[in-house]
C-alpha atoms as a PDB file:
ATOM      1  CA  MET A   1       0.193   0.391  -0.342  1.00  0.00           C
ATOM      2  CA  LYS A   2       1.600   3.513  -1.062  1.00  0.00           C
ATOM      3  CA  PRO A   3       1.954   5.852   2.231  1.00  0.00           C
ATOM      4  CA  TRP A   4      -0.588   9.173   1.249  1.00  0.00           C
ATOM      5  CA  SER A   5      -0.059  12.959   2.416  1.00  0.00           C
ATOM      6  CA  PHE A   6      -2.700  14.795   3.817  1.00  0.00           C
ATOM      7  CA  ALA A   7      -3.089  15.989  -0.046  1.00  0.00           C
ATOM      8  CA  ASP A   8      -3.764  12.512  -1.311  1.00  0.00           C
ATOM      9  CA  ALA A   9      -6.314  11.932   1.576  1.00  0.00           C
ATOM     10  CA  VAL A  10      -7.830  15.586   0.262  1.00  0.00           C
ATOM     11  CA  ARG A  11      -7.933  15.044  -2.849  1.00  0.00           C
ATOM     12  CA  ALA A  12      -9.306  10.778  -2.713  1.00  0.00           C
ATOM     13  CA  ALA A  13     -12.234  12.371  -0.688  1.00  0.00           C
ATOM     14  CA  ARG A  14     -13.201  15.383  -2.762  1.00  0.00           C
ATOM     15  CA  GLU A  15     -13.222  12.780  -5.574  1.00  0.00           C
ATOM     16  CA  ARG A  16     -15.785  10.497  -3.957  1.00  0.00           C
ATOM     17  CA  GLY A  17     -18.300  13.402  -3.305  1.00  0.00           C
ATOM     18  CA  TRP A  18     -16.547  14.518   0.272  1.00  0.00           C
ATOM     19  CA  ARG A  19     -15.828  18.255   0.722  1.00  0.00           C
ATOM     20  CA  PHE A  20     -14.698  20.516   3.510  1.00  0.00           C
ATOM     21  CA  ASP A  21     -16.835  21.687   6.540  1.00  0.00           C
ATOM     22  CA  ARG A  22     -14.813  22.441   9.316  1.00  0.00           C
ATOM     23  CA  VAL A  23     -11.323  22.009  11.464  1.00  0.00           C
ATOM     24  CA  SER A  24     -11.266  20.802  14.351  1.00  0.00           C
ATOM     25  CA  GLY A  25      -7.589  20.792  16.150  1.00  0.00           C
ATOM     26  CA  SER A  26      -5.774  19.334  13.381  1.00  0.00           C
ATOM     27  CA  HIS A  27      -8.267  17.808  11.747  1.00  0.00           C
ATOM     28  CA  TYR A  28      -9.647  19.057   8.383  1.00  0.00           C
ATOM     29  CA  ILE A  29     -13.756  17.762   8.504  1.00  0.00           C
ATOM     30  CA  PHE A  30     -15.445  16.356   5.756  1.00  0.00           C
ATOM     31  CA  VAL A  31     -18.488  15.994   5.157  1.00  0.00           C
ATOM     32  CA  LYS A  32     -21.233  14.061   2.361  1.00  0.00           C
ATOM     33  CA  PHE A  33     -24.575  14.444   1.703  1.00  0.00           C
ATOM     34  CA  GLY A  34     -26.437  10.924   2.834  1.00  0.00           C
ATOM     35  CA  GLU A  35     -22.891  10.123   5.078  1.00  0.00           C
ATOM     36  CA  PRO A  36     -24.152   9.219   8.445  1.00  0.00           C
ATOM     37  CA  ARG A  37     -20.714  10.412   9.657  1.00  0.00           C
ATOM     38  CA  ASP A  38     -18.055  12.831   8.963  1.00  0.00           C
ATOM     39  CA  LEU A  39     -14.797  11.957   7.696  1.00  0.00           C
ATOM     40  CA  PRO A  40     -11.538  13.219  10.295  1.00  0.00           C
ATOM     41  CA  ILE A  41      -8.334  13.709   8.043  1.00  0.00           C
ATOM     42  CA  PRO A  42      -5.550  14.866  10.161  1.00  0.00           C
ATOM     43  CA  CYS A  43      -3.338  17.693   8.761  1.00  0.00           C
ATOM     44  CA  HIS A  44       0.286  16.854   9.781  1.00  0.00           C
ATOM     45  CA  ARG A  45       3.658  16.497   8.175  1.00  0.00           C
ATOM     46  CA  GLY A  46       4.705  13.431   6.223  1.00  0.00           C
ATOM     47  CA  ASP A  47       2.793  10.720   5.259  1.00  0.00           C
ATOM     48  CA  LEU A  48      -0.314   9.377   6.934  1.00  0.00           C
ATOM     49  CA  LYS A  49      -0.417   6.218  10.180  1.00  0.00           C
ATOM     50  CA  PRO A  50      -1.012   3.111   8.365  1.00  0.00           C
ATOM     51  CA  GLY A  51      -3.754   2.737  10.425  1.00  0.00           C
ATOM     52  CA  THR A  52      -5.576   5.993  10.116  1.00  0.00           C
ATOM     53  CA  GLN A  53      -4.970   5.677   5.941  1.00  0.00           C
ATOM     54  CA  ARG A  54      -6.816   2.431   5.910  1.00  0.00           C
ATOM     55  CA  SER A  55      -9.451   3.778   7.725  1.00  0.00           C
ATOM     56  CA  ILE A  56      -9.755   6.805   6.180  1.00  0.00           C
ATOM     57  CA  MET A  57      -9.510   4.087   2.794  1.00  0.00           C
ATOM     58  CA  ARG A  58     -12.188   1.932   4.607  1.00  0.00           C
ATOM     59  CA  VAL A  59     -14.686   5.347   4.721  1.00  0.00           C
ATOM     60  CA  LEU A  60     -13.864   6.114   1.265  1.00  0.00           C
ATOM     61  CA  GLY A  61     -14.455   2.706  -0.240  1.00  0.00           C
ATOM     62  CA  ILE A  62     -11.207   2.369  -1.213  1.00  0.00           C
ATOM     63  CA  SER A  63      -9.390  -0.700  -1.459  1.00  0.00           C
ATOM     64  CA  PRO A  64      -5.557  -1.359  -1.189  1.00  0.00           C
ATOM     65  CA  ARG A  65      -5.518  -3.189  -4.198  1.00  0.00           C
ATOM     66  CA  GLU A  66      -6.140   0.128  -6.157  1.00  0.00           C
ATOM     67  CA  LEU A  67      -3.535   1.829  -5.116  1.00  0.00           C
END
């Protein structure tokens, strides 16, 4: 699985219809109409931690094989 940066995660979220809603601390919160939960994406230097990336991918409906 290729590591994602913050920008990669935001790009994937926007491509799938999620829109930026607000900032909460160091996390950008994205929402999508019809989705019961928000999608927080941490804004830190470097790549996302593997578990965080997998969690974001799961919400977005992306399998690790697609990378």
